[in-house]
Amino acid sequence: GLEHPADCLTALQTCDGAMVGRAAY
């Protein structure tokens, strides 16, 4: 569900890494 860079930055506030899948492809 990480669709945009902003989603990853939000996720990185609480987790050590953010992985994107279909949105990158």
mmCIF file of all heavy atoms, coordinates in Angstrom:
data_MODEL
# 
_entry.id   MODEL 
# 
loop_
_atom_site.group_PDB 
_atom_site.id 
_atom_site.type_symbol 
_atom_site.label_atom_id 
_atom_site.label_alt_id 
_atom_site.label_comp_id 
_atom_site.label_asym_id 
_atom_site.label_entity_id 
_atom_site.label_seq_id 
_atom_site.pdbx_PDB_ins_code 
_atom_site.Cartn_x 
_atom_site.Cartn_y 
_atom_site.Cartn_z 
_atom_site.occupancy 
_atom_site.B_iso_or_equiv 
_atom_site.pdbx_formal_charge 
_atom_site.auth_seq_id 
_atom_site.auth_comp_id 
_atom_site.auth_asym_id 
_atom_site.auth_atom_id 
_atom_site.pdbx_PDB_model_num 
ATOM 1   N N   . GLY A 1 1  ? 0.771  -1.228 0.000   1.00 0.00 ? 1  GLY A N   1 
ATOM 2   C CA  . GLY A 1 1  ? 0.000  0.000  0.000   1.00 0.00 ? 1  GLY A CA  1 
ATOM 3   C C   . GLY A 1 1  ? 0.805  1.282  0.000   1.00 0.00 ? 1  GLY A C   1 
ATOM 4   O O   . GLY A 1 1  ? 0.243  2.361  0.197   1.00 0.00 ? 1  GLY A O   1 
ATOM 5   N N   . LEU A 1 2  ? 2.104  1.214  -0.226  1.00 0.00 ? 2  LEU A N   1 
ATOM 6   C CA  . LEU A 1 2  ? 2.937  2.422  -0.309  1.00 0.00 ? 2  LEU A CA  1 
ATOM 7   C C   . LEU A 1 2  ? 2.959  2.862  -1.768  1.00 0.00 ? 2  LEU A C   1 
ATOM 8   O O   . LEU A 1 2  ? 3.698  2.315  -2.588  1.00 0.00 ? 2  LEU A O   1 
ATOM 9   C CB  . LEU A 1 2  ? 4.345  2.147  0.214   1.00 0.00 ? 2  LEU A CB  1 
ATOM 10  C CG  . LEU A 1 2  ? 4.431  1.566  1.631   1.00 0.00 ? 2  LEU A CG  1 
ATOM 11  C CD1 . LEU A 1 2  ? 5.887  1.344  2.032   1.00 0.00 ? 2  LEU A CD1 1 
ATOM 12  C CD2 . LEU A 1 2  ? 3.725  2.461  2.639   1.00 0.00 ? 2  LEU A CD2 1 
ATOM 13  N N   . GLU A 1 3  ? 2.149  3.846  -2.095  1.00 0.00 ? 3  GLU A N   1 
ATOM 14  C CA  . GLU A 1 3  ? 1.924  4.229  -3.484  1.00 0.00 ? 3  GLU A CA  1 
ATOM 15  C C   . GLU A 1 3  ? 2.747  5.427  -3.941  1.00 0.00 ? 3  GLU A C   1 
ATOM 16  O O   . GLU A 1 3  ? 2.929  5.638  -5.133  1.00 0.00 ? 3  GLU A O   1 
ATOM 17  C CB  . GLU A 1 3  ? 0.436  4.541  -3.700  1.00 0.00 ? 3  GLU A CB  1 
ATOM 18  C CG  . GLU A 1 3  ? -0.489 3.371  -3.432  1.00 0.00 ? 3  GLU A CG  1 
ATOM 19  C CD  . GLU A 1 3  ? -0.352 2.257  -4.459  1.00 0.00 ? 3  GLU A CD  1 
ATOM 20  O OE1 . GLU A 1 3  ? -0.011 2.561  -5.616  1.00 0.00 ? 3  GLU A OE1 1 
ATOM 21  O OE2 . GLU A 1 3  ? -0.586 1.086  -4.100  1.00 0.00 ? 3  GLU A OE2 1 
ATOM 22  N N   . HIS A 1 4  ? 3.223  6.225  -2.982  1.00 0.00 ? 4  HIS A N   1 
ATOM 23  C CA  . HIS A 1 4  ? 3.939  7.459  -3.308  1.00 0.00 ? 4  HIS A CA  1 
ATOM 24  C C   . HIS A 1 4  ? 5.115  7.637  -2.351  1.00 0.00 ? 4  HIS A C   1 
ATOM 25  O O   . HIS A 1 4  ? 5.116  7.066  -1.253  1.00 0.00 ? 4  HIS A O   1 
ATOM 26  C CB  . HIS A 1 4  ? 3.005  8.668  -3.199  1.00 0.00 ? 4  HIS A CB  1 
ATOM 27  C CG  . HIS A 1 4  ? 1.869  8.639  -4.170  1.00 0.00 ? 4  HIS A CG  1 
ATOM 28  N ND1 . HIS A 1 4  ? 1.963  9.134  -5.450  1.00 0.00 ? 4  HIS A ND1 1 
ATOM 29  C CD2 . HIS A 1 4  ? 0.606  8.151  -4.040  1.00 0.00 ? 4  HIS A CD2 1 
ATOM 30  C CE1 . HIS A 1 4  ? 0.807  8.967  -6.080  1.00 0.00 ? 4  HIS A CE1 1 
ATOM 31  N NE2 . HIS A 1 4  ? -0.025 8.373  -5.249  1.00 0.00 ? 4  HIS A NE2 1 
ATOM 32  N N   . PRO A 1 5  ? 6.106  8.445  -2.749  1.00 0.00 ? 5  PRO A N   1 
ATOM 33  C CA  . PRO A 1 5  ? 7.225  8.698  -1.841  1.00 0.00 ? 5  PRO A CA  1 
ATOM 34  C C   . PRO A 1 5  ? 6.783  9.172  -0.458  1.00 0.00 ? 5  PRO A C   1 
ATOM 35  O O   . PRO A 1 5  ? 7.371  8.770  0.556   1.00 0.00 ? 5  PRO A O   1 
ATOM 36  C CB  . PRO A 1 5  ? 8.035  9.771  -2.576  1.00 0.00 ? 5  PRO A CB  1 
ATOM 37  C CG  . PRO A 1 5  ? 7.804  9.461  -4.027  1.00 0.00 ? 5  PRO A CG  1 
ATOM 38  C CD  . PRO A 1 5  ? 6.358  9.028  -4.087  1.00 0.00 ? 5  PRO A CD  1 
ATOM 39  N N   . ALA A 1 6  ? 5.746  9.996  -0.401  1.00 0.00 ? 6  ALA A N   1 
ATOM 40  C CA  . ALA A 1 6  ? 5.271  10.477 0.898   1.00 0.00 ? 6  ALA A CA  1 
ATOM 41  C C   . ALA A 1 6  ? 4.816  9.330  1.792   1.00 0.00 ? 6  ALA A C   1 
ATOM 42  O O   . ALA A 1 6  ? 4.984  9.384  3.012   1.00 0.00 ? 6  ALA A O   1 
ATOM 43  C CB  . ALA A 1 6  ? 4.136  11.486 0.708   1.00 0.00 ? 6  ALA A CB  1 
ATOM 44  N N   . ASP A 1 7  ? 4.230  8.289  1.194   1.00 0.00 ? 7  ASP A N   1 
ATOM 45  C CA  . ASP A 1 7  ? 3.814  7.126  1.979   1.00 0.00 ? 7  ASP A CA  1 
ATOM 46  C C   . ASP A 1 7  ? 5.019  6.446  2.618   1.00 0.00 ? 7  ASP A C   1 
ATOM 47  O O   . ASP A 1 7  ? 4.962  5.991  3.763   1.00 0.00 ? 7  ASP A O   1 
ATOM 48  C CB  . ASP A 1 7  ? 3.071  6.120  1.094   1.00 0.00 ? 7  ASP A CB  1 
ATOM 49  C CG  . ASP A 1 7  ? 1.798  6.683  0.494   1.00 0.00 ? 7  ASP A CG  1 
ATOM 50  O OD1 . ASP A 1 7  ? 1.176  7.557  1.122   1.00 0.00 ? 7  ASP A OD1 1 
ATOM 51  O OD2 . ASP A 1 7  ? 1.435  6.251  -0.623  1.00 0.00 ? 7  ASP A OD2 1 
ATOM 52  N N   . CYS A 1 8  ? 6.102  6.375  1.863   1.00 0.00 ? 8  CYS A N   1 
ATOM 53  C CA  . CYS A 1 8  ? 7.316  5.742  2.389   1.00 0.00 ? 8  CYS A CA  1 
ATOM 54  C C   . CYS A 1 8  ? 7.904  6.567  3.528   1.00 0.00 ? 8  CYS A C   1 
ATOM 55  O O   . CYS A 1 8  ? 8.348  6.010  4.546   1.00 0.00 ? 8  CYS A O   1 
ATOM 56  C CB  . CYS A 1 8  ? 8.354  5.590  1.277   1.00 0.00 ? 8  CYS A CB  1 
ATOM 57  S SG  . CYS A 1 8  ? 7.893  4.405  -0.001  1.00 0.00 ? 8  CYS A SG  1 
ATOM 58  N N   . LEU A 1 9  ? 7.912  7.881  3.375   1.00 0.00 ? 9  LEU A N   1 
ATOM 59  C CA  . LEU A 1 9  ? 8.459  8.716  4.435   1.00 0.00 ? 9  LEU A CA  1 
ATOM 60  C C   . LEU A 1 9  ? 7.636  8.585  5.716   1.00 0.00 ? 9  LEU A C   1 
ATOM 61  O O   . LEU A 1 9  ? 8.190  8.570  6.817   1.00 0.00 ? 9  LEU A O   1 
ATOM 62  C CB  . LEU A 1 9  ? 8.515  10.171 3.984   1.00 0.00 ? 9  LEU A CB  1 
ATOM 63  C CG  . LEU A 1 9  ? 9.419  10.478 2.789   1.00 0.00 ? 9  LEU A CG  1 
ATOM 64  C CD1 . LEU A 1 9  ? 9.527  11.980 2.582   1.00 0.00 ? 9  LEU A CD1 1 
ATOM 65  C CD2 . LEU A 1 9  ? 10.796 9.859  2.946   1.00 0.00 ? 9  LEU A CD2 1 
ATOM 66  N N   . THR A 1 10 ? 6.324  8.480  5.563   1.00 0.00 ? 10 THR A N   1 
ATOM 67  C CA  . THR A 1 10 ? 5.476  8.258  6.730   1.00 0.00 ? 10 THR A CA  1 
ATOM 68  C C   . THR A 1 10 ? 5.801  6.918  7.387   1.00 0.00 ? 10 THR A C   1 
ATOM 69  O O   . THR A 1 10 ? 5.931  6.815  8.613   1.00 0.00 ? 10 THR A O   1 
ATOM 70  C CB  . THR A 1 10 ? 3.990  8.311  6.339   1.00 0.00 ? 10 THR A CB  1 
ATOM 71  O OG1 . THR A 1 10 ? 3.682  9.607  5.822   1.00 0.00 ? 10 THR A OG1 1 
ATOM 72  C CG2 . THR A 1 10 ? 3.093  8.020  7.537   1.00 0.00 ? 10 THR A CG2 1 
ATOM 73  N N   . ALA A 1 11 ? 5.943  5.876  6.551   1.00 0.00 ? 11 ALA A N   1 
ATOM 74  C CA  . ALA A 1 11 ? 6.248  4.545  7.077   1.00 0.00 ? 11 ALA A CA  1 
ATOM 75  C C   . ALA A 1 11 ? 7.597  4.514  7.790   1.00 0.00 ? 11 ALA A C   1 
ATOM 76  O O   . ALA A 1 11 ? 7.770  3.817  8.798   1.00 0.00 ? 11 ALA A O   1 
ATOM 77  C CB  . ALA A 1 11 ? 6.231  3.524  5.940   1.00 0.00 ? 11 ALA A CB  1 
ATOM 78  N N   . LEU A 1 12 ? 8.547  5.291  7.284   1.00 0.00 ? 12 LEU A N   1 
ATOM 79  C CA  . LEU A 1 12 ? 9.881  5.299  7.875   1.00 0.00 ? 12 LEU A CA  1 
ATOM 80  C C   . LEU A 1 12 ? 9.941  6.025  9.208   1.00 0.00 ? 12 LEU A C   1 
ATOM 81  O O   . LEU A 1 12 ? 10.967 5.968  9.905   1.00 0.00 ? 12 LEU A O   1 
ATOM 82  C CB  . LEU A 1 12 ? 10.873 5.928  6.889   1.00 0.00 ? 12 LEU A CB  1 
ATOM 83  C CG  . LEU A 1 12 ? 11.233 5.047  5.682   1.00 0.00 ? 12 LEU A CG  1 
ATOM 84  C CD1 . LEU A 1 12 ? 12.002 5.841  4.642   1.00 0.00 ? 12 LEU A CD1 1 
ATOM 85  C CD2 . LEU A 1 12 ? 12.026 3.823  6.114   1.00 0.00 ? 12 LEU A CD2 1 
ATOM 86  N N   . GLN A 1 13 ? 8.872  6.670  9.588   1.00 0.00 ? 13 GLN A N   1 
ATOM 87  C CA  . GLN A 1 13 ? 8.831  7.272  10.917  1.00 0.00 ? 13 GLN A CA  1 
ATOM 88  C C   . GLN A 1 13 ? 8.713  6.198  12.000  1.00 0.00 ? 13 GLN A C   1 
ATOM 89  O O   . GLN A 1 13 ? 9.090  6.429  13.157  1.00 0.00 ? 13 GLN A O   1 
ATOM 90  C CB  . GLN A 1 13 ? 7.648  8.238  11.031  1.00 0.00 ? 13 GLN A CB  1 
ATOM 91  C CG  . GLN A 1 13 ? 7.696  9.414  10.065  1.00 0.00 ? 13 GLN A CG  1 
ATOM 92  C CD  . GLN A 1 13 ? 8.824  10.381 10.358  1.00 0.00 ? 13 GLN A CD  1 
ATOM 93  O OE1 . GLN A 1 13 ? 9.344  10.419 11.471  1.00 0.00 ? 13 GLN A OE1 1 
ATOM 94  N NE2 . GLN A 1 13 ? 9.205  11.164 9.371   1.00 0.00 ? 13 GLN A NE2 1 
ATOM 95  N N   . THR A 1 14 ? 8.195  5.039  11.631  1.00 0.00 ? 14 THR A N   1 
ATOM 96  C CA  . THR A 1 14 ? 7.971  3.995  12.638  1.00 0.00 ? 14 THR A CA  1 
ATOM 97  C C   . THR A 1 14 ? 8.651  2.667  12.317  1.00 0.00 ? 14 THR A C   1 
ATOM 98  O O   . THR A 1 14 ? 8.790  1.825  13.198  1.00 0.00 ? 14 THR A O   1 
ATOM 99  C CB  . THR A 1 14 ? 6.464  3.737  12.810  1.00 0.00 ? 14 THR A CB  1 
ATOM 100 O OG1 . THR A 1 14 ? 5.877  3.476  11.531  1.00 0.00 ? 14 THR A OG1 1 
ATOM 101 C CG2 . THR A 1 14 ? 5.773  4.958  13.421  1.00 0.00 ? 14 THR A CG2 1 
ATOM 102 N N   . CYS A 1 15 ? 9.047  2.477  11.052  1.00 0.00 ? 15 CYS A N   1 
ATOM 103 C CA  . CYS A 1 15 ? 9.707  1.227  10.644  1.00 0.00 ? 15 CYS A CA  1 
ATOM 104 C C   . CYS A 1 15 ? 11.084 1.537  10.082  1.00 0.00 ? 15 CYS A C   1 
ATOM 105 O O   . CYS A 1 15 ? 11.394 2.676  9.727   1.00 0.00 ? 15 CYS A O   1 
ATOM 106 C CB  . CYS A 1 15 ? 8.856  0.477  9.608   1.00 0.00 ? 15 CYS A CB  1 
ATOM 107 S SG  . CYS A 1 15 ? 7.292  -0.134 10.273  1.00 0.00 ? 15 CYS A SG  1 
ATOM 108 N N   . ASP A 1 16 ? 11.892 0.501  9.955   1.00 0.00 ? 16 ASP A N   1 
ATOM 109 C CA  . ASP A 1 16 ? 13.276 0.688  9.525   1.00 0.00 ? 16 ASP A CA  1 
ATOM 110 C C   . ASP A 1 16 ? 13.438 0.754  8.018   1.00 0.00 ? 16 ASP A C   1 
ATOM 111 O O   . ASP A 1 16 ? 14.470 1.216  7.522   1.00 0.00 ? 16 ASP A O   1 
ATOM 112 C CB  . ASP A 1 16 ? 14.141 -0.465 10.056  1.00 0.00 ? 16 ASP A CB  1 
ATOM 113 C CG  . ASP A 1 16 ? 14.065 -0.579 11.567  1.00 0.00 ? 16 ASP A CG  1 
ATOM 114 O OD1 . ASP A 1 16 ? 14.250 0.450  12.232  1.00 0.00 ? 16 ASP A OD1 1 
ATOM 115 O OD2 . ASP A 1 16 ? 13.804 -1.695 12.073  1.00 0.00 ? 16 ASP A OD2 1 
ATOM 116 N N   . GLY A 1 17 ? 12.457 0.265  7.286   1.00 0.00 ? 17 GLY A N   1 
ATOM 117 C CA  . GLY A 1 17 ? 12.545 0.259  5.832   1.00 0.00 ? 17 GLY A CA  1 
ATOM 118 C C   . GLY A 1 17 ? 11.167 0.320  5.216   1.00 0.00 ? 17 GLY A C   1 
ATOM 119 O O   . GLY A 1 17 ? 10.161 -0.015 5.846   1.00 0.00 ? 17 GLY A O   1 
ATOM 120 N N   . ALA A 1 18 ? 11.126 0.767  3.959   1.00 0.00 ? 18 ALA A N   1 
ATOM 121 C CA  . ALA A 1 18 ? 9.886  0.837  3.200   1.00 0.00 ? 18 ALA A CA  1 
ATOM 122 C C   . ALA A 1 18 ? 10.109 0.158  1.859   1.00 0.00 ? 18 ALA A C   1 
ATOM 123 O O   . ALA A 1 18 ? 11.069 0.482  1.144   1.00 0.00 ? 18 ALA A O   1 
ATOM 124 C CB  . ALA A 1 18 ? 9.454  2.289  2.997   1.00 0.00 ? 18 ALA A CB  1 
ATOM 125 N N   . MET A 1 19 ? 9.233  -0.792 1.527   1.00 0.00 ? 19 MET A N   1 
ATOM 126 C CA  . MET A 1 19 ? 9.332  -1.528 0.270   1.00 0.00 ? 19 MET A CA  1 
ATOM 127 C C   . MET A 1 19 ? 8.116  -1.230 -0.598  1.00 0.00 ? 19 MET A C   1 
ATOM 128 O O   . MET A 1 19 ? 6.978  -1.302 -0.132  1.00 0.00 ? 19 MET A O   1 
ATOM 129 C CB  . MET A 1 19 ? 9.407  -3.042 0.533   1.00 0.00 ? 19 MET A CB  1 
ATOM 130 C CG  . MET A 1 19 ? 9.332  -3.894 -0.736  1.00 0.00 ? 19 MET A CG  1 
ATOM 131 S SD  . MET A 1 19 ? 9.312  -5.678 -0.393  1.00 0.00 ? 19 MET A SD  1 
ATOM 132 C CE  . MET A 1 19 ? 11.073 -5.960 -0.137  1.00 0.00 ? 19 MET A CE  1 
ATOM 133 N N   . VAL A 1 20 ? 8.365  -0.878 -1.851  1.00 0.00 ? 20 VAL A N   1 
ATOM 134 C CA  . VAL A 1 20 ? 7.277  -0.651 -2.802  1.00 0.00 ? 20 VAL A CA  1 
ATOM 135 C C   . VAL A 1 20 ? 7.301  -1.756 -3.856  1.00 0.00 ? 20 VAL A C   1 
ATOM 136 O O   . VAL A 1 20 ? 8.361  -2.301 -4.184  1.00 0.00 ? 20 VAL A O   1 
ATOM 137 C CB  . VAL A 1 20 ? 7.368  0.730  -3.478  1.00 0.00 ? 20 VAL A CB  1 
ATOM 138 C CG1 . VAL A 1 20 ? 7.248  1.835  -2.450  1.00 0.00 ? 20 VAL A CG1 1 
ATOM 139 C CG2 . VAL A 1 20 ? 8.656  0.877  -4.274  1.00 0.00 ? 20 VAL A CG2 1 
ATOM 140 N N   . GLY A 1 21 ? 6.135  -2.099 -4.358  1.00 0.00 ? 21 GLY A N   1 
ATOM 141 C CA  . GLY A 1 21 ? 6.023  -3.166 -5.341  1.00 0.00 ? 21 GLY A CA  1 
ATOM 142 C C   . GLY A 1 21 ? 5.406  -2.693 -6.635  1.00 0.00 ? 21 GLY A C   1 
ATOM 143 O O   . GLY A 1 21 ? 6.071  -2.080 -7.467  1.00 0.00 ? 21 GLY A O   1 
ATOM 144 N N   . ARG A 1 22 ? 4.102  -2.957 -6.807  1.00 0.00 ? 22 ARG A N   1 
ATOM 145 C CA  . ARG A 1 22 ? 3.434  -2.659 -8.076  1.00 0.00 ? 22 ARG A CA  1 
ATOM 146 C C   . ARG A 1 22 ? 3.509  -1.185 -8.433  1.00 0.00 ? 22 ARG A C   1 
ATOM 147 O O   . ARG A 1 22 ? 3.541  -0.839 -9.616  1.00 0.00 ? 22 ARG A O   1 
ATOM 148 C CB  . ARG A 1 22 ? 1.974  -3.113 -8.021  1.00 0.00 ? 22 ARG A CB  1 
ATOM 149 C CG  . ARG A 1 22 ? 1.805  -4.587 -7.680  1.00 0.00 ? 22 ARG A CG  1 
ATOM 150 C CD  . ARG A 1 22 ? 2.214  -5.495 -8.805  1.00 0.00 ? 22 ARG A CD  1 
ATOM 151 N NE  . ARG A 1 22 ? 2.531  -6.834 -8.320  1.00 0.00 ? 22 ARG A NE  1 
ATOM 152 C CZ  . ARG A 1 22 ? 2.870  -7.862 -9.114  1.00 0.00 ? 22 ARG A CZ  1 
ATOM 153 N NH1 . ARG A 1 22 ? 2.929  -7.688 -10.415 1.00 0.00 ? 22 ARG A NH1 1 
ATOM 154 N NH2 . ARG A 1 22 ? 3.160  -9.035 -8.608  1.00 0.00 ? 22 ARG A NH2 1 
ATOM 155 N N   . ALA A 1 23 ? 3.528  -0.302 -7.455  1.00 0.00 ? 23 ALA A N   1 
ATOM 156 C CA  . ALA A 1 23 ? 3.607  1.124  -7.748  1.00 0.00 ? 23 ALA A CA  1 
ATOM 157 C C   . ALA A 1 23 ? 4.943  1.495  -8.387  1.00 0.00 ? 23 ALA A C   1 
ATOM 158 O O   . ALA A 1 23 ? 5.018  2.448  -9.161  1.00 0.00 ? 23 ALA A O   1 
ATOM 159 C CB  . ALA A 1 23 ? 3.390  1.947  -6.476  1.00 0.00 ? 23 ALA A CB  1 
ATOM 160 N N   . ALA A 1 24 ? 5.991  0.743  -8.073  1.00 0.00 ? 24 ALA A N   1 
ATOM 161 C CA  . ALA A 1 24 ? 7.285  0.986  -8.718  1.00 0.00 ? 24 ALA A CA  1 
ATOM 162 C C   . ALA A 1 24 ? 7.275  0.478  -10.154 1.00 0.00 ? 24 ALA A C   1 
ATOM 163 O O   . ALA A 1 24 ? 7.853  1.103  -11.051 1.00 0.00 ? 24 ALA A O   1 
ATOM 164 C CB  . ALA A 1 24 ? 8.409  0.323  -7.935  1.00 0.00 ? 24 ALA A CB  1 
ATOM 165 N N   . TYR A 1 25 ? 6.614  -0.653 -10.370 1.00 0.00 ? 25 TYR A N   1 
ATOM 166 C CA  . TYR A 1 25 ? 6.579  -1.203 -11.728 1.00 0.00 ? 25 TYR A CA  1 
ATOM 167 C C   . TYR A 1 25 ? 5.677  -0.363 -12.629 1.00 0.00 ? 25 TYR A C   1 
ATOM 168 O O   . TYR A 1 25 ? 6.002  -0.109 -13.786 1.00 0.00 ? 25 TYR A O   1 
ATOM 169 C CB  . TYR A 1 25 ? 6.087  -2.647 -11.714 1.00 0.00 ? 25 TYR A CB  1 
ATOM 170 C CG  . TYR A 1 25 ? 6.307  -3.335 -13.045 1.00 0.00 ? 25 TYR A CG  1 
ATOM 171 C CD1 . TYR A 1 25 ? 7.561  -3.850 -13.376 1.00 0.00 ? 25 TYR A CD1 1 
ATOM 172 C CD2 . TYR A 1 25 ? 5.281  -3.448 -13.982 1.00 0.00 ? 25 TYR A CD2 1 
ATOM 173 C CE1 . TYR A 1 25 ? 7.791  -4.446 -14.604 1.00 0.00 ? 25 TYR A CE1 1 
ATOM 174 C CE2 . TYR A 1 25 ? 5.493  -4.052 -15.209 1.00 0.00 ? 25 TYR A CE2 1 
ATOM 175 C CZ  . TYR A 1 25 ? 6.754  -4.552 -15.520 1.00 0.00 ? 25 TYR A CZ  1 
ATOM 176 O OH  . TYR A 1 25 ? 6.979  -5.137 -16.738 1.00 0.00 ? 25 TYR A OH  1 
# 
